[in-house]
Amino acid sequence: MNTKLLISLYTYSLFIVLMFFAFISAYPLYLLAHLWSKKPRVYFQKVVQQYFKLFYLLMPNAGNITIHNRYNCNTFHPSIYVSTHQSTLDYTLLATVIDDYVTPSNHFISDYPLFFKVPKHGLGIHYIPKGNLNEASKGYQSFIEALQKDSSVIIFPEGTRNPSSLLKRFKGGAFRLSVSENIPLIPILINGSGEIVTKGSNITKTIQKKDIHITFLDPIYPKEAETFATLAKRVKTIMQTHIDNDKMYAKEERQETPNAKV
């Protein structure tokens, strides 16, 4: 059997097994946390976060995961994290370092009855079907409520995985939230996850270990009277500039910041 296929089967099986134990471990704490916390979801996420970290330690083709500018993560409460999106791995990568968040998804698993909506209530993953304006409106309102409760939001503004270094057009949701609630945006650049798994295939691209770099850029605040469309263009320009200068930027960062497993 093809080596890449074997690694892929092992990786998906590992993920399913770890998530099974993660949910079993986290759910009792989540239920108990209702007694003393207004945000029991945070306790669920903290437990699952450890299993995500274990997943990357055991994943055969994931190398070092280096976090750059970690001081911009979990520092500004609440924040709207807007990230590049190369791979299906990206959400779990961000969930290993970001605390207390909600995030949209167009995958039905978060609302699937078999899972008792645990991904939604425990992990904060809100299912928003593509093209469903009614559900999109409900999701937008739920994110406003989350921000008002001091929780952050994670959004991939391109709306899809993008294997190219040229960013696609940003969708407006994250920037509408930022302008309407006056919340800072934290741009994130993920580099390397697309070398493991990318759009168009669930089979790993490589049997070699690939390093992943996650860079948290400085917060960007909406300017007075700035429209969400103008803000989106400004943020996209900043992110694209960092991507275009990535080789030089990454070299400088690696000299300043020692590699560290997530």
Protein backbone atom coordinates (compact mmCIF):
# COMPACT_ATOMS: atom_id res chain seq x y z
CA MET A 1 0.00 0.00 0.00
CA ASN A 2 1.15 3.55 -0.74
CA THR A 3 3.19 5.01 2.15
CA LYS A 4 1.37 8.36 1.98
CA LEU A 5 -1.96 6.56 2.21
CA LEU A 6 -0.79 4.56 5.24
CA ILE A 7 0.38 7.72 7.00
CA SER A 8 -2.94 9.39 6.19
CA LEU A 9 -4.94 6.45 7.56
CA TYR A 10 -2.84 6.43 10.71
CA THR A 11 -3.21 10.21 11.15
CA TYR A 12 -7.00 10.23 10.74
CA SER A 13 -7.37 7.21 13.02
CA LEU A 14 -5.14 8.87 15.61
CA PHE A 15 -7.23 12.03 15.46
CA ILE A 16 -10.53 10.17 15.86
CA VAL A 17 -9.24 8.14 18.82
CA LEU A 18 -7.79 11.20 20.56
CA MET A 19 -10.98 13.21 20.02
CA PHE A 20 -13.03 10.37 21.45
CA PHE A 21 -10.99 10.41 24.65
CA ALA A 22 -10.88 14.22 24.63
CA PHE A 23 -14.66 14.48 24.58
CA ILE A 24 -15.04 11.83 27.27
CA SER A 25 -12.51 13.68 29.44
CA ALA A 26 -13.85 17.18 28.79
CA TYR A 27 -17.61 16.67 28.94
CA PRO A 28 -17.95 15.91 32.69
CA LEU A 29 -15.87 19.00 33.50
CA TYR A 30 -17.96 21.03 31.07
CA LEU A 31 -21.16 19.95 32.86
CA LEU A 32 -19.73 20.65 36.32
CA ALA A 33 -18.40 24.04 35.22
CA HIS A 34 -22.00 25.24 34.79
CA LEU A 35 -22.11 25.39 38.60
CA TRP A 36 -19.47 28.13 38.92
CA SER A 37 -18.79 29.58 35.46
CA LYS A 38 -20.79 31.57 32.93
CA LYS A 39 -18.50 30.16 30.23
CA PRO A 40 -18.17 26.39 30.79
CA ARG A 41 -17.07 26.09 27.17
CA VAL A 42 -13.65 27.43 28.22
CA TYR A 43 -13.03 24.37 30.42
CA PHE A 44 -14.03 22.03 27.60
CA GLN A 45 -11.66 23.82 25.22
CA LYS A 46 -8.78 23.67 27.70
CA VAL A 47 -9.01 19.89 27.95
CA VAL A 48 -9.35 19.38 24.19
CA GLN A 49 -6.44 21.77 23.66
CA GLN A 50 -4.12 19.28 25.38
CA TYR A 51 -5.30 16.48 23.07
CA PHE A 52 -4.68 18.67 20.01
CA LYS A 53 -1.11 19.20 21.27
CA LEU A 54 -0.70 15.43 21.76
CA PHE A 55 -2.01 14.86 18.23
CA TYR A 56 0.77 17.00 16.74
CA LEU A 57 3.40 15.32 18.91
CA LEU A 58 2.32 11.92 17.57
CA MET A 59 1.65 13.00 13.99
CA PRO A 60 4.42 11.38 11.89
CA ASN A 61 4.95 14.19 9.38
CA ALA A 62 4.49 17.25 11.64
CA GLY A 63 7.83 18.73 12.58
CA ASN A 64 8.48 21.64 14.95
CA ILE A 65 5.58 24.01 15.46
CA THR A 66 6.96 27.47 16.16
CA ILE A 67 4.85 30.33 17.48
CA HIS A 68 6.12 33.80 16.55
CA ASN A 69 5.01 36.90 18.47
CA ARG A 70 3.14 34.83 21.04
CA TYR A 71 2.66 38.02 23.05
CA ASN A 72 -0.09 38.96 20.58
CA CYS A 73 -2.04 35.78 21.41
CA ASN A 74 -4.53 35.80 24.33
CA THR A 75 -3.38 39.29 25.31
CA PHE A 76 -6.13 41.50 23.90
CA HIS A 77 -9.55 40.48 25.23
CA PRO A 78 -11.64 40.01 23.30
CA SER A 79 -10.05 39.83 19.84
CA ILE A 80 -11.01 38.77 16.36
CA TYR A 81 -8.32 36.49 14.96
CA VAL A 82 -8.16 36.52 11.15
CA SER A 83 -5.94 33.79 9.77
CA THR A 84 -4.58 32.53 6.49
CA HIS A 85 -5.91 29.09 5.62
CA GLN A 86 -3.76 26.48 3.87
CA SER A 87 -5.00 23.19 5.29
CA THR A 88 -7.64 21.28 7.21
CA LEU A 89 -5.09 21.28 10.05
CA ASP A 90 -5.31 25.04 10.59
CA TYR A 91 -8.21 25.16 13.06
CA THR A 92 -6.63 22.55 15.34
CA LEU A 93 -3.28 24.35 15.12
CA LEU A 94 -4.83 27.62 16.28
CA ALA A 95 -6.83 25.82 18.97
CA THR A 96 -3.57 24.64 20.57
CA VAL A 97 -2.66 28.23 21.47
CA ILE A 98 -5.80 30.42 21.44
CA ASP A 99 -8.01 30.34 24.54
CA ASP A 100 -11.72 31.09 24.95
CA TYR A 101 -12.99 31.40 21.39
CA VAL A 102 -15.87 30.72 19.05
CA THR A 103 -15.48 30.07 15.33
CA PRO A 104 -17.67 29.50 12.25
CA SER A 105 -17.57 26.33 10.18
CA ASN A 106 -19.36 25.16 7.04
CA HIS A 107 -19.00 21.53 8.13
CA PHE A 108 -22.25 20.05 9.48
CA ILE A 109 -20.46 17.96 12.11
CA SER A 110 -20.87 20.69 14.76
CA ASP A 111 -24.67 20.36 14.52
CA TYR A 112 -24.82 16.62 13.83
CA PRO A 113 -27.28 14.94 16.25
CA LEU A 114 -24.92 11.97 16.78
CA PHE A 115 -22.49 14.29 18.59
CA PHE A 116 -25.25 16.02 20.64
CA LYS A 117 -23.96 19.38 19.34
CA VAL A 118 -20.89 19.02 21.57
CA PRO A 119 -18.64 20.71 18.95
CA LYS A 120 -20.92 23.76 19.08
CA HIS A 121 -21.50 24.05 22.82
CA GLY A 122 -18.16 22.60 23.97
CA LEU A 123 -15.70 23.76 21.32
CA GLY A 124 -17.55 26.88 20.17
CA ILE A 125 -17.80 25.75 16.53
CA HIS A 126 -20.89 27.28 14.90
CA TYR A 127 -22.17 25.60 11.76
CA ILE A 128 -23.04 28.12 9.04
CA PRO A 129 -24.02 26.49 5.72
CA LYS A 130 -22.62 28.20 2.63
CA GLY A 131 -25.12 30.53 0.99
CA ASN A 132 -27.64 30.35 3.86
CA LEU A 133 -28.19 34.02 4.70
CA ASN A 134 -30.55 33.26 7.58
CA GLU A 135 -28.01 31.02 9.30
CA ALA A 136 -25.24 33.50 8.52
CA SER A 137 -27.25 36.21 10.27
CA LYS A 138 -27.79 33.97 13.31
CA GLY A 139 -24.09 33.13 13.38
CA TYR A 140 -23.12 36.80 13.16
CA GLN A 141 -25.37 37.59 16.13
CA SER A 142 -23.91 34.72 18.16
CA PHE A 143 -20.42 36.09 17.55
CA ILE A 144 -21.49 39.55 18.71
CA GLU A 145 -22.82 37.97 21.89
CA ALA A 146 -19.56 36.05 22.36
CA LEU A 147 -17.49 39.22 21.98
CA GLN A 148 -19.72 41.01 24.48
CA LYS A 149 -19.01 38.17 26.92
CA ASP A 150 -15.26 38.73 26.44
CA SER A 151 -14.70 35.69 24.23
CA SER A 152 -12.63 35.92 21.05
CA VAL A 153 -13.59 34.88 17.52
CA ILE A 154 -11.42 32.92 15.06
CA ILE A 155 -12.23 33.47 11.38
CA PHE A 156 -10.54 32.48 8.12
CA PRO A 157 -11.50 35.56 6.07
CA GLU A 158 -10.77 33.96 2.69
CA GLY A 159 -13.60 31.56 3.41
CA THR A 160 -11.77 28.57 1.96
CA ARG A 161 -8.41 26.85 1.99
CA ASN A 162 -5.91 28.58 -0.26
CA PRO A 163 -2.71 26.77 -1.36
CA SER A 164 -1.38 29.95 -2.99
CA SER A 165 0.72 32.63 -1.30
CA LEU A 166 -1.54 35.22 -2.95
CA LEU A 167 -4.45 35.92 -0.61
CA LYS A 168 -7.97 35.62 -1.97
CA ARG A 169 -10.61 38.30 -1.54
CA PHE A 170 -11.57 38.66 2.12
CA LYS A 171 -15.17 38.12 3.16
CA GLY A 172 -16.66 40.88 5.28
CA GLY A 173 -17.87 39.10 8.45
CA ALA A 174 -14.81 39.56 10.65
CA PHE A 175 -14.45 43.20 9.67
CA ARG A 176 -18.11 44.01 10.22
CA LEU A 177 -17.72 42.61 13.73
CA SER A 178 -14.59 44.64 14.34
CA VAL A 179 -16.20 47.91 13.20
CA SER A 180 -19.56 47.38 14.91
CA GLU A 181 -18.07 46.28 18.25
CA ASN A 182 -14.79 48.25 18.04
CA ILE A 183 -12.76 45.09 18.60
CA PRO A 184 -9.11 44.69 17.49
CA LEU A 185 -8.21 42.26 14.73
CA ILE A 186 -5.18 39.98 15.21
CA PRO A 187 -3.89 38.78 11.82
CA ILE A 188 -2.33 35.30 11.80
CA LEU A 189 -0.04 33.80 9.18
CA ILE A 190 0.17 30.00 9.06
CA ASN A 191 3.04 28.66 7.03
CA GLY A 192 3.77 24.98 6.45
CA SER A 193 0.47 23.23 7.14
CA GLY A 194 -0.29 23.22 3.41
CA GLU A 195 2.86 21.19 2.82
CA ILE A 196 1.30 18.36 4.83
CA VAL A 197 -2.35 18.38 3.70
CA THR A 198 -3.84 20.82 1.22
CA LYS A 199 -7.11 21.58 -0.54
CA GLY A 200 -8.33 18.97 -2.99
CA SER A 201 -7.01 15.89 -1.19
CA ASN A 202 -7.28 14.17 2.17
CA ILE A 203 -4.06 12.27 1.51
CA THR A 204 -0.85 13.68 2.97
CA LYS A 205 1.47 15.35 0.47
CA THR A 206 4.65 14.14 2.14
CA ILE A 207 6.17 11.44 4.32
CA GLN A 208 8.82 13.88 5.55
CA LYS A 209 8.43 15.97 8.69
CA LYS A 210 7.43 19.53 7.84
CA ASP A 211 7.87 22.44 10.22
CA ILE A 212 4.95 24.79 10.78
CA HIS A 213 5.21 28.47 11.67
CA ILE A 214 2.33 30.44 13.18
CA THR A 215 2.89 34.20 13.33
CA PHE A 216 0.62 36.51 15.30
CA LEU A 217 0.87 40.03 13.87
CA ASP A 218 0.22 43.17 15.91
CA PRO A 219 -3.41 44.10 16.61
CA ILE A 220 -5.19 46.30 14.09
CA TYR A 221 -7.93 48.59 15.37
CA PRO A 222 -10.70 50.04 13.21
CA LYS A 223 -10.22 53.76 12.59
CA GLU A 224 -12.89 56.31 13.33
CA ALA A 225 -15.58 56.26 10.60
CA GLU A 226 -13.71 53.46 8.75
CA THR A 227 -15.98 51.12 6.79
CA PHE A 228 -15.64 47.36 7.13
CA ALA A 229 -14.66 47.12 3.43
CA THR A 230 -11.81 49.60 3.88
CA LEU A 231 -10.68 47.82 7.04
CA ALA A 232 -10.68 44.47 5.20
CA LYS A 233 -8.48 45.90 2.44
CA ARG A 234 -6.09 47.43 4.99
CA VAL A 235 -5.72 44.17 6.91
CA LYS A 236 -5.31 42.13 3.74
CA THR A 237 -2.56 44.48 2.52
CA ILE A 238 -0.67 44.13 5.80
CA MET A 239 -0.95 40.33 5.73
CA GLN A 240 0.04 40.10 2.06
CA THR A 241 3.08 42.30 2.65
CA HIS A 242 4.28 39.98 5.43
CA ILE A 243 3.71 36.94 3.20
CA ASP A 244 5.61 38.54 0.31
CA ASN A 245 8.53 39.24 2.66
CA ASP A 246 8.21 35.88 4.36
CA LYS A 247 11.74 34.56 3.74
CA MET A 248 13.41 37.58 5.25
CA TYR A 249 10.80 37.94 8.00
CA ALA A 250 10.95 34.27 8.99
CA LYS A 251 14.75 34.35 9.12
CA GLU A 252 14.75 37.34 11.46
CA GLU A 253 12.02 35.84 13.65
CA ARG A 254 13.80 32.50 14.00
CA GLN A 255 16.93 34.27 15.16
CA GLU A 256 14.98 36.16 17.81
CA THR A 257 12.54 33.45 18.87
CA PRO A 258 13.75 29.94 19.81
CA ASN A 259 11.76 27.09 18.34
CA ALA A 260 9.18 25.68 20.69
CA LYS A 261 6.68 22.90 20.39
CA VAL A 262 3.11 24.09 20.84
